[in-house]
N, C-alpha and C. Protein backbone atom coordinates (compact mmCIF):
# COMPACT_ATOMS: atom_id res chain seq x y z
N MET A 1 7.62 264.46 179.37
CA MET A 1 7.03 264.85 180.63
C MET A 1 8.09 264.81 181.73
N PRO A 2 7.96 265.65 182.75
CA PRO A 2 8.98 265.68 183.80
C PRO A 2 8.98 264.41 184.64
N ILE A 3 10.11 264.16 185.28
CA ILE A 3 10.28 262.99 186.13
C ILE A 3 9.22 262.96 187.22
N ALA A 4 8.93 264.11 187.82
CA ALA A 4 7.95 264.17 188.90
C ALA A 4 6.59 263.65 188.45
N HIS A 5 6.20 263.97 187.24
CA HIS A 5 4.91 263.51 186.72
C HIS A 5 4.88 261.98 186.66
N HIS A 6 5.95 261.38 186.16
CA HIS A 6 6.00 259.92 186.04
C HIS A 6 5.96 259.26 187.42
N ILE A 7 6.68 259.86 188.37
CA ILE A 7 6.69 259.32 189.74
C ILE A 7 5.29 259.32 190.32
N LEU A 8 4.62 260.46 190.26
CA LEU A 8 3.29 260.59 190.85
C LEU A 8 2.28 259.69 190.15
N GLN A 9 2.37 259.62 188.83
CA GLN A 9 1.44 258.78 188.07
C GLN A 9 1.61 257.31 188.43
N LEU A 10 2.85 256.87 188.55
CA LEU A 10 3.12 255.48 188.91
C LEU A 10 2.64 255.18 190.32
N ARG A 11 3.02 256.02 191.26
CA ARG A 11 2.65 255.76 192.66
C ARG A 11 1.14 255.73 192.84
N ASP A 12 0.43 256.62 192.14
CA ASP A 12 -1.03 256.65 192.25
C ASP A 12 -1.67 255.38 191.71
N SER A 13 -0.98 254.69 190.81
CA SER A 13 -1.55 253.50 190.18
C SER A 13 -1.28 252.22 190.97
N LEU A 14 -0.42 252.28 191.98
CA LEU A 14 -0.01 251.07 192.69
C LEU A 14 -1.02 250.69 193.77
N PRO A 15 -1.32 249.42 193.90
CA PRO A 15 -2.21 248.98 194.98
C PRO A 15 -1.50 249.04 196.33
N PRO A 16 -2.25 249.01 197.41
CA PRO A 16 -1.62 248.98 198.75
C PRO A 16 -0.67 247.81 198.89
N GLY A 17 0.45 248.05 199.55
CA GLY A 17 1.42 246.98 199.78
C GLY A 17 2.47 246.83 198.71
N VAL A 18 2.39 247.64 197.65
CA VAL A 18 3.39 247.58 196.58
C VAL A 18 4.19 248.88 196.58
N SER A 19 5.51 248.76 196.63
CA SER A 19 6.40 249.92 196.67
C SER A 19 7.09 250.13 195.33
N LEU A 20 7.35 251.39 195.03
CA LEU A 20 8.05 251.77 193.81
C LEU A 20 9.52 252.00 194.11
N LEU A 21 10.37 251.19 193.47
CA LEU A 21 11.82 251.39 193.55
C LEU A 21 12.26 252.03 192.25
N ALA A 22 12.72 253.27 192.32
CA ALA A 22 13.17 254.00 191.13
C ALA A 22 14.60 253.60 190.81
N ILE A 23 14.81 252.96 189.67
CA ILE A 23 16.14 252.50 189.27
C ILE A 23 16.88 253.67 188.62
N SER A 24 17.87 254.15 189.34
CA SER A 24 18.53 255.41 188.96
C SER A 24 19.95 255.21 188.45
N LYS A 25 20.32 253.99 188.10
CA LYS A 25 21.69 253.77 187.63
C LYS A 25 21.96 254.59 186.38
N TYR A 26 23.15 255.15 186.34
CA TYR A 26 23.64 256.02 185.26
C TYR A 26 22.93 257.38 185.21
N GLN A 27 21.91 257.59 186.02
CA GLN A 27 21.22 258.87 186.00
C GLN A 27 22.01 259.90 186.80
N PRO A 28 22.01 261.15 186.35
CA PRO A 28 22.73 262.20 187.09
C PRO A 28 22.03 262.52 188.40
N ILE A 29 22.77 263.09 189.31
CA ILE A 29 22.23 263.46 190.62
C ILE A 29 21.03 264.38 190.47
N GLU A 30 21.06 265.26 189.46
CA GLU A 30 19.95 266.20 189.28
C GLU A 30 18.64 265.47 189.00
N ALA A 31 18.70 264.36 188.27
CA ALA A 31 17.49 263.59 187.97
C ALA A 31 16.95 262.93 189.25
N ILE A 32 17.85 262.42 190.08
CA ILE A 32 17.42 261.82 191.35
C ILE A 32 16.83 262.89 192.26
N GLN A 33 17.42 264.08 192.26
CA GLN A 33 16.89 265.18 193.08
C GLN A 33 15.47 265.55 192.64
N GLU A 34 15.22 265.50 191.35
CA GLU A 34 13.87 265.81 190.86
C GLU A 34 12.87 264.76 191.35
N ALA A 35 13.28 263.49 191.29
CA ALA A 35 12.41 262.42 191.80
C ALA A 35 12.21 262.56 193.30
N TYR A 36 13.27 262.93 194.00
CA TYR A 36 13.20 263.12 195.45
C TYR A 36 12.22 264.24 195.80
N ALA A 37 12.28 265.32 195.04
CA ALA A 37 11.39 266.45 195.29
C ALA A 37 9.92 266.07 195.09
N ALA A 38 9.68 265.03 194.29
CA ALA A 38 8.32 264.53 194.07
C ALA A 38 7.89 263.53 195.14
N GLY A 39 8.76 263.31 196.12
CA GLY A 39 8.43 262.43 197.22
C GLY A 39 9.01 261.04 197.16
N GLN A 40 9.77 260.74 196.10
CA GLN A 40 10.36 259.40 195.98
C GLN A 40 11.54 259.26 196.95
N ARG A 41 11.56 258.15 197.70
CA ARG A 41 12.64 257.93 198.66
C ARG A 41 13.40 256.63 198.43
N MET A 42 12.86 255.72 197.64
CA MET A 42 13.53 254.45 197.37
C MET A 42 14.19 254.50 195.99
N PHE A 43 15.52 254.32 195.97
CA PHE A 43 16.26 254.34 194.71
C PHE A 43 17.13 253.10 194.62
N GLY A 44 17.25 252.56 193.40
CA GLY A 44 18.02 251.35 193.17
C GLY A 44 19.18 251.60 192.22
N GLU A 45 20.32 251.02 192.56
CA GLU A 45 21.53 251.16 191.75
C GLU A 45 22.14 249.79 191.48
N ASN A 46 22.91 249.69 190.38
CA ASN A 46 23.53 248.43 189.98
C ASN A 46 25.05 248.43 190.13
N HIS A 47 25.63 249.57 190.47
CA HIS A 47 27.07 249.68 190.62
C HIS A 47 27.38 250.30 191.98
N ILE A 48 28.14 249.58 192.79
CA ILE A 48 28.33 249.97 194.19
C ILE A 48 29.02 251.31 194.32
N ILE A 49 30.07 251.55 193.57
CA ILE A 49 30.81 252.81 193.71
C ILE A 49 29.94 253.99 193.27
N GLU A 50 29.20 253.81 192.18
CA GLU A 50 28.28 254.86 191.73
C GLU A 50 27.24 255.15 192.80
N MET A 51 26.71 254.12 193.43
CA MET A 51 25.71 254.31 194.47
C MET A 51 26.30 255.02 195.67
N ALA A 52 27.50 254.64 196.07
CA ALA A 52 28.15 255.28 197.22
C ALA A 52 28.41 256.75 196.96
N THR A 53 28.81 257.07 195.73
CA THR A 53 29.05 258.47 195.37
C THR A 53 27.76 259.28 195.44
N LYS A 54 26.69 258.72 194.94
CA LYS A 54 25.39 259.41 194.98
C LYS A 54 24.89 259.54 196.41
N ALA A 55 25.06 258.49 197.20
CA ALA A 55 24.59 258.53 198.59
C ALA A 55 25.27 259.63 199.38
N ALA A 56 26.55 259.86 199.08
CA ALA A 56 27.29 260.90 199.79
C ALA A 56 26.83 262.30 199.41
N ALA A 57 26.23 262.44 198.23
CA ALA A 57 25.86 263.77 197.72
C ALA A 57 24.38 264.10 197.91
N LEU A 58 23.59 263.11 198.29
CA LEU A 58 22.14 263.29 198.33
C LEU A 58 21.61 263.16 199.76
N PRO A 59 20.36 263.53 200.01
CA PRO A 59 19.81 263.51 201.38
C PRO A 59 19.92 262.14 202.05
N THR A 60 20.12 262.18 203.35
CA THR A 60 20.38 260.95 204.10
C THR A 60 19.14 260.11 204.35
N ASP A 61 17.95 260.65 204.06
CA ASP A 61 16.74 259.84 204.27
C ASP A 61 16.38 259.00 203.04
N ILE A 62 17.23 259.03 202.02
CA ILE A 62 17.01 258.14 200.87
C ILE A 62 17.31 256.70 201.29
N GLU A 63 16.47 255.79 200.82
CA GLU A 63 16.62 254.36 201.06
C GLU A 63 17.27 253.76 199.83
N TRP A 64 18.55 253.39 199.94
CA TRP A 64 19.28 252.87 198.79
C TRP A 64 19.17 251.36 198.72
N HIS A 65 18.81 250.87 197.54
CA HIS A 65 18.70 249.43 197.29
C HIS A 65 19.73 249.07 196.23
N PHE A 66 20.48 248.01 196.47
CA PHE A 66 21.43 247.55 195.46
C PHE A 66 20.81 246.38 194.72
N THR A 67 20.65 246.52 193.40
CA THR A 67 19.93 245.53 192.61
C THR A 67 20.82 244.76 191.64
N GLY A 68 22.10 245.09 191.59
CA GLY A 68 22.99 244.44 190.63
C GLY A 68 23.69 243.23 191.21
N HIS A 69 24.50 242.60 190.37
CA HIS A 69 25.33 241.48 190.81
C HIS A 69 26.37 241.99 191.79
N VAL A 70 26.48 241.36 192.94
CA VAL A 70 27.33 241.87 194.01
C VAL A 70 28.75 241.33 193.88
N GLN A 71 29.71 242.26 193.80
CA GLN A 71 31.12 241.89 193.84
C GLN A 71 31.57 241.95 195.30
N THR A 72 32.02 240.84 195.84
CA THR A 72 32.30 240.77 197.27
C THR A 72 33.37 241.78 197.71
N ASN A 73 34.31 242.09 196.82
CA ASN A 73 35.37 243.01 197.21
C ASN A 73 34.90 244.46 197.30
N LYS A 74 33.64 244.72 196.92
CA LYS A 74 33.13 246.10 196.99
C LYS A 74 32.01 246.27 198.01
N ILE A 75 31.66 245.19 198.71
CA ILE A 75 30.60 245.30 199.72
C ILE A 75 30.94 246.36 200.75
N LYS A 76 32.22 246.49 201.08
CA LYS A 76 32.63 247.45 202.12
C LYS A 76 32.22 248.87 201.79
N TYR A 77 32.06 249.19 200.51
CA TYR A 77 31.73 250.57 200.12
C TYR A 77 30.25 250.91 200.35
N MET A 78 29.41 249.89 200.54
CA MET A 78 27.99 250.19 200.74
C MET A 78 27.46 249.70 202.09
N ALA A 79 28.30 248.99 202.84
CA ALA A 79 27.81 248.36 204.07
C ALA A 79 27.32 249.35 205.11
N SER A 80 27.81 250.57 205.06
CA SER A 80 27.43 251.55 206.08
C SER A 80 26.08 252.20 205.85
N PHE A 81 25.52 252.04 204.63
CA PHE A 81 24.29 252.79 204.34
C PHE A 81 23.25 252.03 203.55
N VAL A 82 23.60 250.97 202.82
CA VAL A 82 22.63 250.33 201.94
C VAL A 82 21.47 249.77 202.77
N HIS A 83 20.26 249.94 202.27
CA HIS A 83 19.07 249.49 202.98
C HIS A 83 18.76 248.03 202.67
N MET A 84 18.84 247.67 201.39
CA MET A 84 18.50 246.31 200.98
C MET A 84 19.36 245.90 199.80
N ILE A 85 19.81 244.65 199.80
CA ILE A 85 20.56 244.07 198.69
C ILE A 85 19.66 243.03 198.05
N HIS A 86 19.33 243.23 196.77
CA HIS A 86 18.31 242.42 196.12
C HIS A 86 18.83 241.14 195.50
N ALA A 87 20.09 241.07 195.16
CA ALA A 87 20.56 239.98 194.30
C ALA A 87 21.55 239.06 195.00
N VAL A 88 21.12 238.48 196.11
CA VAL A 88 21.99 237.56 196.85
C VAL A 88 21.79 236.15 196.30
N ASP A 89 22.88 235.52 195.86
CA ASP A 89 22.74 234.23 195.18
C ASP A 89 23.65 233.14 195.74
N SER A 90 24.13 233.32 196.98
CA SER A 90 24.94 232.26 197.59
C SER A 90 25.06 232.51 199.09
N PHE A 91 25.34 231.43 199.83
CA PHE A 91 25.61 231.58 201.26
C PHE A 91 26.91 232.36 201.46
N ARG A 92 27.87 232.14 200.61
CA ARG A 92 29.14 232.87 200.71
C ARG A 92 28.90 234.37 200.67
N LEU A 93 28.00 234.81 199.81
CA LEU A 93 27.70 236.24 199.70
C LEU A 93 26.99 236.73 200.96
N LEU A 94 26.06 235.96 201.48
CA LEU A 94 25.41 236.33 202.74
C LEU A 94 26.45 236.50 203.85
N ARG A 95 27.40 235.60 203.90
CA ARG A 95 28.43 235.65 204.94
C ARG A 95 29.29 236.90 204.80
N GLU A 96 29.62 237.27 203.57
CA GLU A 96 30.43 238.47 203.35
C GLU A 96 29.66 239.74 203.71
N ILE A 97 28.39 239.80 203.32
CA ILE A 97 27.57 240.96 203.68
C ILE A 97 27.47 241.06 205.20
N ASN A 98 27.27 239.94 205.85
CA ASN A 98 27.18 239.91 207.31
C ASN A 98 28.46 240.45 207.96
N LYS A 99 29.59 240.04 207.41
CA LYS A 99 30.89 240.47 207.96
C LYS A 99 31.04 241.98 207.90
N HIS A 100 30.69 242.58 206.78
CA HIS A 100 30.85 244.03 206.63
C HIS A 100 29.76 244.79 207.38
N ALA A 101 28.56 244.25 207.44
CA ALA A 101 27.51 244.90 208.21
C ALA A 101 27.87 244.93 209.69
N ALA A 102 28.52 243.87 210.18
CA ALA A 102 28.92 243.81 211.58
C ALA A 102 29.89 244.93 211.94
N LYS A 103 30.74 245.30 211.00
CA LYS A 103 31.71 246.37 211.26
C LYS A 103 31.02 247.70 211.52
N HIS A 104 29.80 247.85 211.02
CA HIS A 104 29.04 249.09 211.21
C HIS A 104 27.88 248.89 212.18
N ASN A 105 27.86 247.73 212.83
CA ASN A 105 26.80 247.41 213.79
C ASN A 105 25.42 247.58 213.18
N ARG A 106 25.26 247.06 211.96
CA ARG A 106 24.00 247.18 211.23
C ARG A 106 23.45 245.80 210.89
N ILE A 107 22.16 245.76 210.59
CA ILE A 107 21.53 244.59 210.00
C ILE A 107 21.06 245.00 208.61
N ILE A 108 21.51 244.29 207.59
CA ILE A 108 21.18 244.62 206.21
C ILE A 108 20.16 243.61 205.68
N ASP A 109 19.06 244.11 205.16
CA ASP A 109 18.05 243.25 204.55
C ASP A 109 18.57 242.71 203.21
N CYS A 110 18.36 241.43 202.98
CA CYS A 110 18.81 240.78 201.75
C CYS A 110 17.66 239.99 201.13
N LEU A 111 17.61 239.99 199.82
CA LEU A 111 16.66 239.17 199.07
C LEU A 111 17.44 238.09 198.33
N LEU A 112 16.92 236.88 198.34
CA LEU A 112 17.54 235.79 197.60
C LEU A 112 17.08 235.87 196.15
N GLN A 113 18.05 235.98 195.24
CA GLN A 113 17.71 236.07 193.83
C GLN A 113 17.50 234.67 193.25
N ILE A 114 16.33 234.49 192.62
CA ILE A 114 15.98 233.20 192.03
C ILE A 114 16.05 233.31 190.51
N HIS A 115 16.73 232.35 189.90
CA HIS A 115 16.86 232.33 188.43
C HIS A 115 15.67 231.58 187.85
N ILE A 116 14.75 232.32 187.26
CA ILE A 116 13.59 231.69 186.62
C ILE A 116 13.53 231.98 185.13
N ALA A 117 14.25 233.00 184.67
CA ALA A 117 14.19 233.41 183.27
C ALA A 117 14.83 232.35 182.38
N GLN A 118 14.36 232.29 181.15
CA GLN A 118 14.90 231.35 180.17
C GLN A 118 16.12 231.95 179.49
N GLU A 119 17.04 232.47 180.29
CA GLU A 119 18.26 233.10 179.77
C GLU A 119 19.42 232.74 180.69
N GLU A 120 20.44 232.16 180.13
CA GLU A 120 21.58 231.72 180.93
C GLU A 120 22.40 232.88 181.46
N THR A 121 22.26 234.06 180.85
CA THR A 121 23.10 235.18 181.25
C THR A 121 22.66 235.80 182.57
N LYS A 122 21.47 235.49 183.04
CA LYS A 122 20.99 236.06 184.29
C LYS A 122 21.52 235.25 185.48
N TYR A 123 21.74 235.96 186.58
CA TYR A 123 22.27 235.32 187.78
C TYR A 123 21.11 234.79 188.63
N GLY A 124 21.46 234.07 189.69
CA GLY A 124 20.47 233.65 190.66
C GLY A 124 20.55 232.19 191.01
N LEU A 125 19.94 231.86 192.15
CA LEU A 125 19.82 230.49 192.61
C LEU A 125 18.71 229.78 191.84
N THR A 126 18.89 228.51 191.57
CA THR A 126 17.75 227.73 191.13
C THR A 126 16.83 227.54 192.34
N ILE A 127 15.63 227.10 192.09
CA ILE A 127 14.70 226.86 193.18
C ILE A 127 15.26 225.82 194.14
N GLU A 128 15.86 224.77 193.61
CA GLU A 128 16.42 223.73 194.47
C GLU A 128 17.62 224.24 195.26
N GLU A 129 18.46 225.07 194.63
CA GLU A 129 19.60 225.64 195.35
C GLU A 129 19.13 226.54 196.48
N CYS A 130 18.07 227.27 196.25
CA CYS A 130 17.51 228.14 197.29
C CYS A 130 17.02 227.32 198.47
N LYS A 131 16.30 226.25 198.18
CA LYS A 131 15.79 225.39 199.25
C LYS A 131 16.93 224.75 200.03
N THR A 132 17.98 224.35 199.32
CA THR A 132 19.13 223.74 199.99
C THR A 132 19.83 224.75 200.89
N LEU A 133 19.99 225.97 200.40
CA LEU A 133 20.64 227.01 201.21
C LEU A 133 19.90 227.21 202.53
N LEU A 134 18.57 227.26 202.46
CA LEU A 134 17.79 227.51 203.66
C LEU A 134 17.69 226.28 204.55
N ALA A 135 17.71 225.10 203.94
CA ALA A 135 17.65 223.87 204.74
C ALA A 135 18.92 223.69 205.57
N ASP A 136 20.05 224.16 205.04
CA ASP A 136 21.29 224.16 205.81
C ASP A 136 21.23 225.31 206.80
N GLU A 137 21.53 225.04 208.05
CA GLU A 137 21.26 226.00 209.11
C GLU A 137 22.25 227.16 209.27
N PRO A 138 23.46 227.15 208.71
CA PRO A 138 24.43 228.21 209.04
C PRO A 138 23.94 229.64 208.82
N TRP A 139 23.02 229.88 207.88
CA TRP A 139 22.56 231.25 207.63
C TRP A 139 21.88 231.85 208.86
N ARG A 140 21.33 231.00 209.71
CA ARG A 140 20.65 231.50 210.91
C ARG A 140 21.63 232.11 211.90
N GLU A 141 22.90 231.78 211.77
CA GLU A 141 23.92 232.30 212.69
C GLU A 141 24.45 233.67 212.27
N LEU A 142 24.01 234.16 211.14
CA LEU A 142 24.48 235.46 210.64
C LEU A 142 23.60 236.56 211.24
N GLY A 143 24.10 237.20 212.25
CA GLY A 143 23.28 238.15 213.02
C GLY A 143 23.17 239.54 212.43
N HIS A 144 23.91 239.80 211.34
CA HIS A 144 23.88 241.15 210.77
C HIS A 144 23.27 241.20 209.37
N ILE A 145 22.61 240.11 208.97
CA ILE A 145 21.80 240.12 207.75
C ILE A 145 20.41 239.61 208.10
N ARG A 146 19.44 240.02 207.31
CA ARG A 146 18.08 239.54 207.49
C ARG A 146 17.53 239.16 206.12
N ILE A 147 17.18 237.90 205.94
CA ILE A 147 16.59 237.47 204.67
C ILE A 147 15.15 237.96 204.65
N ALA A 148 14.86 238.87 203.73
CA ALA A 148 13.59 239.59 203.74
C ALA A 148 12.66 239.19 202.61
N GLY A 149 13.07 238.22 201.78
CA GLY A 149 12.20 237.80 200.68
C GLY A 149 12.99 237.33 199.48
N LEU A 150 12.35 237.42 198.33
CA LEU A 150 12.92 236.91 197.08
C LEU A 150 12.96 237.99 196.01
N MET A 151 13.88 237.84 195.08
CA MET A 151 13.99 238.73 193.93
C MET A 151 14.08 237.88 192.69
N ALA A 152 13.48 238.36 191.59
CA ALA A 152 13.56 237.62 190.33
C ALA A 152 13.40 238.56 189.16
N MET A 153 13.90 238.12 188.02
CA MET A 153 13.69 238.82 186.75
C MET A 153 13.01 237.86 185.79
N GLY A 154 11.94 238.31 185.17
CA GLY A 154 11.28 237.49 184.17
C GLY A 154 12.09 237.42 182.88
N SER A 155 11.74 236.47 182.05
CA SER A 155 12.42 236.35 180.75
C SER A 155 12.20 237.59 179.89
N HIS A 156 13.20 237.91 179.09
CA HIS A 156 13.08 239.02 178.14
C HIS A 156 12.39 238.48 176.89
N THR A 157 11.07 238.61 176.87
CA THR A 157 10.28 238.00 175.80
C THR A 157 8.99 238.79 175.61
N ASP A 158 8.40 238.64 174.45
CA ASP A 158 7.08 239.23 174.21
C ASP A 158 5.96 238.32 174.71
N ASN A 159 6.31 237.13 175.11
CA ASN A 159 5.32 236.17 175.61
C ASN A 159 5.02 236.46 177.08
N MET A 160 4.01 237.28 177.32
CA MET A 160 3.70 237.69 178.67
C MET A 160 3.10 236.56 179.51
N GLU A 161 2.55 235.56 178.87
CA GLU A 161 2.05 234.41 179.63
C GLU A 161 3.20 233.61 180.22
N GLN A 162 4.32 233.56 179.50
CA GLN A 162 5.51 232.92 180.05
C GLN A 162 6.01 233.70 181.26
N VAL A 163 6.07 235.02 181.12
CA VAL A 163 6.51 235.86 182.23
C VAL A 163 5.58 235.69 183.43
N ARG A 164 4.28 235.67 183.16
CA ARG A 164 3.32 235.49 184.26
C ARG A 164 3.55 234.16 184.98
N ALA A 165 3.78 233.11 184.21
CA ALA A 165 4.02 231.79 184.82
C ALA A 165 5.29 231.82 185.68
N GLU A 166 6.32 232.54 185.23
CA GLU A 166 7.56 232.65 186.01
C GLU A 166 7.31 233.38 187.32
N PHE A 167 6.59 234.51 187.25
CA PHE A 167 6.30 235.27 188.46
C PHE A 167 5.41 234.47 189.41
N ARG A 168 4.48 233.72 188.86
CA ARG A 168 3.61 232.90 189.71
C ARG A 168 4.42 231.83 190.43
N GLN A 169 5.43 231.31 189.75
CA GLN A 169 6.30 230.31 190.36
C GLN A 169 7.05 230.90 191.56
N ILE A 170 7.46 232.17 191.43
CA ILE A 170 8.15 232.83 192.53
C ILE A 170 7.22 233.01 193.72
N LYS A 171 5.99 233.39 193.48
CA LYS A 171 5.02 233.54 194.57
C LYS A 171 4.79 232.21 195.27
N GLN A 172 4.70 231.14 194.51
CA GLN A 172 4.51 229.82 195.11
C GLN A 172 5.72 229.44 195.97
N LEU A 173 6.93 229.74 195.47
CA LEU A 173 8.13 229.46 196.24
C LEU A 173 8.16 230.32 197.51
N PHE A 174 7.82 231.59 197.37
CA PHE A 174 7.78 232.48 198.53
C PHE A 174 6.87 231.90 199.61
N ASN A 175 5.68 231.48 199.23
CA ASN A 175 4.73 230.94 200.20
C ASN A 175 5.28 229.68 200.88
N GLU A 176 5.94 228.85 200.08
CA GLU A 176 6.52 227.62 200.62
C GLU A 176 7.62 227.92 201.63
N LEU A 177 8.50 228.85 201.27
CA LEU A 177 9.61 229.20 202.17
C LEU A 177 9.11 229.92 203.42
N LYS A 178 8.12 230.77 203.24
CA LYS A 178 7.54 231.48 204.38
C LYS A 178 7.02 230.48 205.41
N SER A 179 6.31 229.49 204.94
CA SER A 179 5.75 228.47 205.83
C SER A 179 6.83 227.62 206.48
N ALA A 180 7.86 227.27 205.70
CA ALA A 180 8.87 226.33 206.20
C ALA A 180 9.91 226.98 207.10
N TYR A 181 10.30 228.23 206.79
CA TYR A 181 11.45 228.83 207.48
C TYR A 181 11.18 230.19 208.13
N PHE A 182 10.13 230.89 207.70
CA PHE A 182 9.96 232.26 208.16
C PHE A 182 8.55 232.54 208.70
N ALA A 183 7.89 231.49 209.18
CA ALA A 183 6.52 231.67 209.65
C ALA A 183 6.44 232.68 210.79
N ASP A 184 7.49 232.77 211.59
CA ASP A 184 7.51 233.70 212.73
C ASP A 184 8.33 234.95 212.44
N SER A 185 8.58 235.21 211.16
CA SER A 185 9.42 236.34 210.78
C SER A 185 8.64 237.31 209.90
N PRO A 186 8.04 238.35 210.48
CA PRO A 186 7.28 239.30 209.67
C PRO A 186 8.13 240.04 208.65
N SER A 187 9.45 240.07 208.86
CA SER A 187 10.32 240.79 207.92
C SER A 187 10.50 240.03 206.60
N PHE A 188 10.18 238.72 206.57
CA PHE A 188 10.21 237.98 205.30
C PHE A 188 8.88 238.25 204.60
N CYS A 189 8.87 239.34 203.83
CA CYS A 189 7.59 239.82 203.30
C CYS A 189 7.69 240.40 201.89
N HIS A 190 8.87 240.35 201.28
CA HIS A 190 9.07 241.05 200.01
C HIS A 190 9.27 240.10 198.83
N ILE A 191 8.67 240.46 197.72
CA ILE A 191 8.99 239.87 196.42
C ILE A 191 9.33 241.03 195.50
N SER A 192 10.58 241.09 195.07
CA SER A 192 11.05 242.15 194.18
C SER A 192 11.08 241.62 192.76
N GLU A 193 10.09 242.03 191.97
CA GLU A 193 10.03 241.61 190.57
C GLU A 193 9.13 242.57 189.82
N GLY A 194 9.37 242.67 188.53
CA GLY A 194 8.58 243.57 187.70
C GLY A 194 9.34 244.83 187.36
N MET A 195 9.52 245.05 186.05
CA MET A 195 10.19 246.25 185.57
C MET A 195 9.25 246.97 184.60
N THR A 196 9.76 247.93 183.87
CA THR A 196 8.90 248.79 183.05
C THR A 196 7.98 247.98 182.14
N ASP A 197 8.49 246.91 181.53
CA ASP A 197 7.71 246.18 180.53
C ASP A 197 6.72 245.18 181.13
N ASP A 198 6.95 244.76 182.37
CA ASP A 198 6.12 243.67 182.90
C ASP A 198 5.60 243.90 184.32
N TYR A 199 5.75 245.11 184.85
CA TYR A 199 5.39 245.31 186.25
C TYR A 199 3.91 245.09 186.56
N PRO A 200 2.95 245.41 185.63
CA PRO A 200 1.55 245.13 185.99
C PRO A 200 1.29 243.63 186.24
N ILE A 201 1.94 242.78 185.44
CA ILE A 201 1.80 241.33 185.64
C ILE A 201 2.45 240.93 186.95
N ALA A 202 3.62 241.49 187.23
CA ALA A 202 4.32 241.17 188.48
C ALA A 202 3.45 241.49 189.69
N ILE A 203 2.79 242.64 189.65
CA ILE A 203 1.92 243.03 190.76
C ILE A 203 0.77 242.03 190.91
N GLU A 204 0.17 241.65 189.80
CA GLU A 204 -0.93 240.68 189.85
C GLU A 204 -0.48 239.34 190.42
N GLU A 205 0.80 239.02 190.25
CA GLU A 205 1.31 237.72 190.70
C GLU A 205 2.05 237.82 192.03
N GLY A 206 1.92 238.95 192.74
CA GLY A 206 2.41 238.99 194.11
C GLY A 206 3.60 239.87 194.41
N SER A 207 4.11 240.61 193.44
CA SER A 207 5.25 241.48 193.71
C SER A 207 4.91 242.55 194.74
N THR A 208 5.86 242.83 195.62
CA THR A 208 5.69 243.92 196.59
C THR A 208 6.63 245.09 196.31
N ILE A 209 7.63 244.87 195.46
CA ILE A 209 8.55 245.94 195.06
C ILE A 209 8.71 245.86 193.55
N ILE A 210 8.34 246.93 192.84
CA ILE A 210 8.58 246.96 191.40
C ILE A 210 9.77 247.88 191.13
N ARG A 211 10.60 247.48 190.16
CA ARG A 211 11.85 248.18 189.87
C ARG A 211 11.72 248.90 188.52
N ILE A 212 11.51 250.20 188.58
CA ILE A 212 11.20 250.96 187.37
C ILE A 212 12.28 252.00 187.10
N GLY A 213 12.85 251.98 185.88
CA GLY A 213 13.88 252.93 185.51
C GLY A 213 13.47 253.83 184.37
N SER A 214 13.46 253.29 183.16
CA SER A 214 13.24 254.14 181.97
C SER A 214 11.86 254.78 181.96
N MET A 215 10.88 254.14 182.55
CA MET A 215 9.53 254.73 182.60
C MET A 215 9.49 256.01 183.43
N ILE A 216 10.45 256.15 184.36
CA ILE A 216 10.57 257.35 185.18
C ILE A 216 11.53 258.35 184.58
N PHE A 217 12.72 257.88 184.27
CA PHE A 217 13.82 258.77 183.90
C PHE A 217 14.04 258.89 182.39
N GLY A 218 13.40 258.04 181.59
CA GLY A 218 13.71 257.99 180.17
C GLY A 218 14.92 257.10 179.94
N GLU A 219 15.40 257.09 178.73
CA GLU A 219 16.55 256.25 178.39
C GLU A 219 17.77 256.67 179.18
N ARG A 220 18.58 255.68 179.56
CA ARG A 220 19.74 255.98 180.40
C ARG A 220 20.83 256.71 179.63
N PRO A 221 21.38 257.77 180.23
CA PRO A 221 22.49 258.51 179.59
C PRO A 221 23.83 257.82 179.88
N TYR A 222 24.14 256.74 179.17
CA TYR A 222 25.35 255.98 179.46
C TYR A 222 26.58 256.87 179.33
């Protein structure tokens, strides 16, 4: 089935308040154009240079989200246009993003990535590390970043109850942080979790952004 069909089918199934982020890494520009023609405006990439190349070739009203592990030496290539960075896992990284955003007089939305999966290979802050980062005040002095919520990846497992418990833990943490640090900040409103295999559970457990790739575009043409 065409990409447009998958986009429309997915969007029609989402409840209010949940956004579809089309993960377009490794996909050709033509595939993104097809999704764009179907009304999709949010696209996610995992490689900064690839995203910058696509951004230069595609319409300027696309909202680019960076969902991969951030290499600090490449932030400069996306600082002028990236809408949201999903995988922030240290104060040092927040400071670097802030530095490059300042050069373009921009404020970049950032999500704190929380490591909840039962896999050591995944990145992210532990829950305690996240609380410590926010309890320390220096992040408040960064005027060109905005902490807009949390991001997480569930475990790669067939045990969907485990995945549900992980996502529920993120929602509980979100509520706790919202109350403690962001009660007066309406922009702290996002939970980015849920991919092709587990997005319905993620939505049930509070996700506001689902990250869908293969369900839209098919297998990636590496």
